[in-house]
């Protein structure tokens, strides 16, 4: 007879599978947030701010039980064609 795993082990395993199946946001997906900090929970934007602390706090307000991944979205560098127009 197989040994039953504890509920917390099953939950952790399901979360790992869910994380792998969720598409990761690319820099292109985050372009609307250029120059700002974003907090991601489960691969989705959960908070945005001008500082990392603001983004994290916004995410914690909407998703209090989950720990967000906070990162800065840099502004795109102008390419050569845009420099010639200036």
N, C-alpha and C. Protein backbone atom coordinates (compact mmCIF):
# COMPACT_ATOMS: atom_id res chain seq x y z
N UNK A 1 0.84 -1.17 0.00
CA UNK A 1 0.00 0.00 0.00
C UNK A 1 0.89 1.24 0.00
N UNK A 2 0.65 2.21 -0.94
CA UNK A 2 1.49 3.40 -0.99
C UNK A 2 1.26 4.30 0.22
N UNK A 3 2.32 4.99 0.59
CA UNK A 3 2.25 5.92 1.71
C UNK A 3 1.67 7.23 1.21
N UNK A 4 0.66 7.72 1.91
CA UNK A 4 0.03 8.99 1.52
C UNK A 4 0.93 10.15 1.92
N UNK A 5 1.08 11.09 1.00
CA UNK A 5 1.88 12.28 1.31
C UNK A 5 1.04 13.25 2.11
N UNK A 6 1.71 14.08 2.86
CA UNK A 6 0.98 15.08 3.64
C UNK A 6 0.39 16.14 2.70
N UNK A 7 -0.61 16.83 3.18
CA UNK A 7 -1.29 17.84 2.37
C UNK A 7 -0.33 18.95 1.95
N UNK A 8 0.56 19.36 2.84
CA UNK A 8 1.49 20.44 2.50
C UNK A 8 2.44 20.02 1.39
N UNK A 9 2.84 18.74 1.37
CA UNK A 9 3.72 18.25 0.31
C UNK A 9 2.98 18.24 -1.01
N UNK A 10 1.72 17.82 -1.00
CA UNK A 10 0.91 17.82 -2.22
C UNK A 10 0.71 19.23 -2.73
N UNK A 11 0.44 20.16 -1.83
CA UNK A 11 0.24 21.55 -2.22
C UNK A 11 1.50 22.12 -2.84
N UNK A 12 2.64 21.86 -2.25
CA UNK A 12 3.90 22.36 -2.78
C UNK A 12 4.17 21.79 -4.17
N UNK A 13 3.88 20.51 -4.36
CA UNK A 13 4.08 19.89 -5.66
C UNK A 13 3.16 20.52 -6.71
N UNK A 14 1.91 20.77 -6.35
CA UNK A 14 0.97 21.39 -7.28
C UNK A 14 1.39 22.80 -7.65
N UNK A 15 1.93 23.54 -6.67
CA UNK A 15 2.39 24.90 -6.93
C UNK A 15 3.57 24.89 -7.91
N UNK A 16 4.49 23.93 -7.76
CA UNK A 16 5.62 23.83 -8.67
C UNK A 16 5.15 23.55 -10.09
N UNK A 17 4.20 22.66 -10.25
CA UNK A 17 3.66 22.34 -11.57
C UNK A 17 2.96 23.56 -12.15
N UNK A 18 2.19 24.26 -11.33
CA UNK A 18 1.46 25.45 -11.81
C UNK A 18 2.44 26.52 -12.25
N UNK A 19 3.53 26.73 -11.50
CA UNK A 19 4.52 27.74 -11.87
C UNK A 19 5.17 27.41 -13.20
N UNK A 20 5.47 26.13 -13.43
CA UNK A 20 6.11 25.73 -14.67
C UNK A 20 5.18 25.89 -15.86
N UNK A 21 3.87 25.69 -15.65
CA UNK A 21 2.93 25.77 -16.76
C UNK A 21 2.52 27.20 -17.10
N UNK A 22 2.76 28.14 -16.18
CA UNK A 22 2.40 29.53 -16.44
C UNK A 22 3.44 30.18 -17.34
N UNK A 23 2.99 30.89 -18.37
CA UNK A 23 3.97 31.57 -19.23
C UNK A 23 4.64 32.71 -18.47
N UNK A 24 5.95 32.85 -18.67
CA UNK A 24 6.68 33.93 -18.03
C UNK A 24 6.47 35.22 -18.81
N UNK A 25 6.35 36.32 -18.10
CA UNK A 25 6.22 37.61 -18.76
C UNK A 25 7.55 37.99 -19.38
N UNK A 26 7.51 38.49 -20.58
CA UNK A 26 8.72 38.94 -21.26
C UNK A 26 8.86 40.44 -21.07
N UNK A 27 10.02 40.96 -21.46
CA UNK A 27 10.23 42.41 -21.39
C UNK A 27 9.21 43.13 -22.26
N UNK A 28 8.83 42.51 -23.36
CA UNK A 28 7.83 43.11 -24.26
C UNK A 28 6.48 43.24 -23.55
N UNK A 29 6.10 42.23 -22.76
CA UNK A 29 4.84 42.27 -22.02
C UNK A 29 4.85 43.37 -20.96
N UNK A 30 6.02 43.70 -20.46
CA UNK A 30 6.13 44.69 -19.38
C UNK A 30 6.41 46.10 -19.90
N UNK A 31 6.42 46.30 -21.21
CA UNK A 31 6.72 47.63 -21.76
C UNK A 31 5.84 48.75 -21.21
N UNK A 32 4.55 48.51 -20.95
CA UNK A 32 3.74 49.61 -20.39
C UNK A 32 4.25 50.10 -19.03
N UNK A 33 5.07 49.30 -18.37
CA UNK A 33 5.59 49.65 -17.04
C UNK A 33 7.03 50.16 -17.10
N UNK A 34 7.51 50.55 -18.27
CA UNK A 34 8.89 51.01 -18.44
C UNK A 34 9.20 52.16 -17.49
N UNK A 35 10.32 52.06 -16.80
CA UNK A 35 10.73 53.09 -15.86
C UNK A 35 10.12 52.93 -14.48
N UNK A 36 9.41 51.83 -14.26
CA UNK A 36 8.76 51.59 -12.96
C UNK A 36 9.17 50.23 -12.42
N UNK A 37 8.87 50.03 -11.16
CA UNK A 37 9.08 48.75 -10.50
C UNK A 37 7.78 47.96 -10.58
N UNK A 38 7.86 46.66 -10.85
CA UNK A 38 6.68 45.81 -10.87
C UNK A 38 6.87 44.65 -9.90
N UNK A 39 5.78 44.24 -9.30
CA UNK A 39 5.79 43.08 -8.41
C UNK A 39 4.96 42.00 -9.08
N UNK A 40 5.58 40.84 -9.28
CA UNK A 40 4.92 39.73 -9.96
C UNK A 40 4.56 38.63 -8.96
N UNK A 41 3.35 38.12 -9.10
CA UNK A 41 2.90 36.98 -8.29
C UNK A 41 2.32 35.97 -9.27
N UNK A 42 2.89 34.80 -9.28
CA UNK A 42 2.40 33.77 -10.19
C UNK A 42 2.54 34.14 -11.65
N UNK A 43 3.56 34.93 -11.97
CA UNK A 43 3.79 35.33 -13.36
C UNK A 43 2.89 36.46 -13.83
N UNK A 44 2.15 37.07 -12.93
CA UNK A 44 1.26 38.18 -13.28
C UNK A 44 1.61 39.43 -12.48
N UNK A 45 1.38 40.58 -13.08
CA UNK A 45 1.65 41.85 -12.40
C UNK A 45 0.62 42.02 -11.28
N UNK A 46 1.12 42.13 -10.05
CA UNK A 46 0.24 42.29 -8.90
C UNK A 46 0.38 43.68 -8.28
N UNK A 47 1.45 44.40 -8.62
CA UNK A 47 1.65 45.73 -8.08
C UNK A 47 2.68 46.49 -8.89
N UNK A 48 2.53 47.81 -8.93
CA UNK A 48 3.43 48.69 -9.68
C UNK A 48 3.73 49.90 -8.81
N UNK A 49 4.96 50.40 -8.90
CA UNK A 49 5.32 51.59 -8.14
C UNK A 49 6.57 52.25 -8.68
N UNK A 50 6.82 53.45 -8.20
CA UNK A 50 8.03 54.17 -8.59
C UNK A 50 9.25 53.67 -7.83
N UNK A 51 9.00 52.95 -6.72
CA UNK A 51 10.08 52.33 -5.96
C UNK A 51 9.73 50.85 -5.77
N UNK A 52 10.74 50.06 -5.44
CA UNK A 52 10.52 48.64 -5.20
C UNK A 52 9.57 48.44 -4.02
N UNK A 53 9.72 49.28 -3.01
CA UNK A 53 8.87 49.17 -1.82
C UNK A 53 7.41 49.43 -2.17
N UNK A 54 7.13 50.45 -3.00
CA UNK A 54 5.77 50.75 -3.42
C UNK A 54 5.15 49.58 -4.19
N UNK A 55 5.91 49.00 -5.10
CA UNK A 55 5.41 47.88 -5.90
C UNK A 55 5.10 46.67 -5.01
N UNK A 56 6.01 46.38 -4.07
CA UNK A 56 5.81 45.26 -3.17
C UNK A 56 4.58 45.48 -2.29
N UNK A 57 4.42 46.69 -1.76
CA UNK A 57 3.27 46.99 -0.91
C UNK A 57 1.96 46.87 -1.68
N UNK A 58 1.95 47.33 -2.93
CA UNK A 58 0.75 47.23 -3.76
C UNK A 58 0.40 45.76 -4.00
N UNK A 59 1.41 44.94 -4.24
CA UNK A 59 1.17 43.51 -4.46
C UNK A 59 0.66 42.83 -3.19
N UNK A 60 1.23 43.21 -2.05
CA UNK A 60 0.81 42.60 -0.78
C UNK A 60 -0.62 42.99 -0.42
N UNK A 61 -1.07 44.16 -0.87
CA UNK A 61 -2.46 44.56 -0.62
C UNK A 61 -3.42 43.68 -1.40
N UNK A 62 -3.05 43.35 -2.63
CA UNK A 62 -3.95 42.54 -3.45
C UNK A 62 -3.76 41.04 -3.24
N UNK A 63 -2.55 40.62 -2.88
CA UNK A 63 -2.26 39.19 -2.69
C UNK A 63 -1.47 39.02 -1.39
N UNK A 64 -2.10 39.22 -0.22
CA UNK A 64 -1.37 39.26 1.05
C UNK A 64 -0.66 37.97 1.46
N UNK A 65 -1.13 36.82 1.01
CA UNK A 65 -0.52 35.56 1.44
C UNK A 65 0.65 35.12 0.56
N UNK A 66 0.86 35.82 -0.54
CA UNK A 66 1.90 35.40 -1.48
C UNK A 66 3.05 36.41 -1.48
N UNK A 67 4.25 35.91 -1.70
CA UNK A 67 5.44 36.75 -1.73
C UNK A 67 5.74 37.14 -3.18
N UNK A 68 5.73 38.43 -3.48
CA UNK A 68 5.96 38.86 -4.87
C UNK A 68 7.43 38.87 -5.25
N UNK A 69 7.66 38.73 -6.54
CA UNK A 69 8.99 38.91 -7.14
C UNK A 69 9.00 40.34 -7.66
N UNK A 70 9.88 41.18 -7.14
CA UNK A 70 9.91 42.59 -7.52
C UNK A 70 11.10 42.84 -8.44
N UNK A 71 10.81 43.52 -9.55
CA UNK A 71 11.91 43.86 -10.48
C UNK A 71 11.64 45.17 -11.18
N UNK A 72 12.72 45.79 -11.64
CA UNK A 72 12.64 47.07 -12.35
C UNK A 72 12.52 46.81 -13.84
N UNK A 73 11.64 47.57 -14.50
CA UNK A 73 11.49 47.47 -15.95
C UNK A 73 12.19 48.68 -16.56
N UNK A 74 13.34 48.47 -17.20
CA UNK A 74 14.08 49.60 -17.76
C UNK A 74 13.37 50.21 -18.97
N UNK A 75 13.63 51.48 -19.19
CA UNK A 75 13.11 52.14 -20.38
C UNK A 75 13.88 51.60 -21.58
N UNK A 76 13.21 51.41 -22.71
CA UNK A 76 13.91 50.88 -23.89
C UNK A 76 14.95 51.86 -24.40
N UNK A 77 16.05 51.32 -24.88
CA UNK A 77 17.10 52.15 -25.45
C UNK A 77 16.68 52.56 -26.86
N UNK A 78 16.90 53.81 -27.22
CA UNK A 78 16.54 54.21 -28.58
C UNK A 78 17.45 53.52 -29.59
N UNK A 79 16.86 53.04 -30.68
CA UNK A 79 17.68 52.38 -31.70
C UNK A 79 18.22 53.42 -32.68
N UNK A 80 19.02 53.00 -33.62
CA UNK A 80 19.70 53.91 -34.54
C UNK A 80 18.72 54.72 -35.38
N UNK A 81 17.60 54.15 -35.80
CA UNK A 81 16.65 54.88 -36.62
C UNK A 81 16.00 56.04 -35.85
N UNK A 82 15.80 55.88 -34.55
CA UNK A 82 15.21 56.95 -33.74
C UNK A 82 16.21 58.08 -33.52
N UNK A 83 17.51 57.76 -33.46
CA UNK A 83 18.54 58.77 -33.25
C UNK A 83 18.62 59.68 -34.49
N UNK A 84 18.45 59.10 -35.68
CA UNK A 84 18.55 59.89 -36.90
C UNK A 84 17.40 60.89 -37.03
N UNK A 85 16.24 60.56 -36.44
CA UNK A 85 15.08 61.45 -36.53
C UNK A 85 15.22 62.66 -35.61
N UNK A 86 16.05 62.55 -34.59
CA UNK A 86 16.18 63.64 -33.61
C UNK A 86 16.95 64.81 -34.15
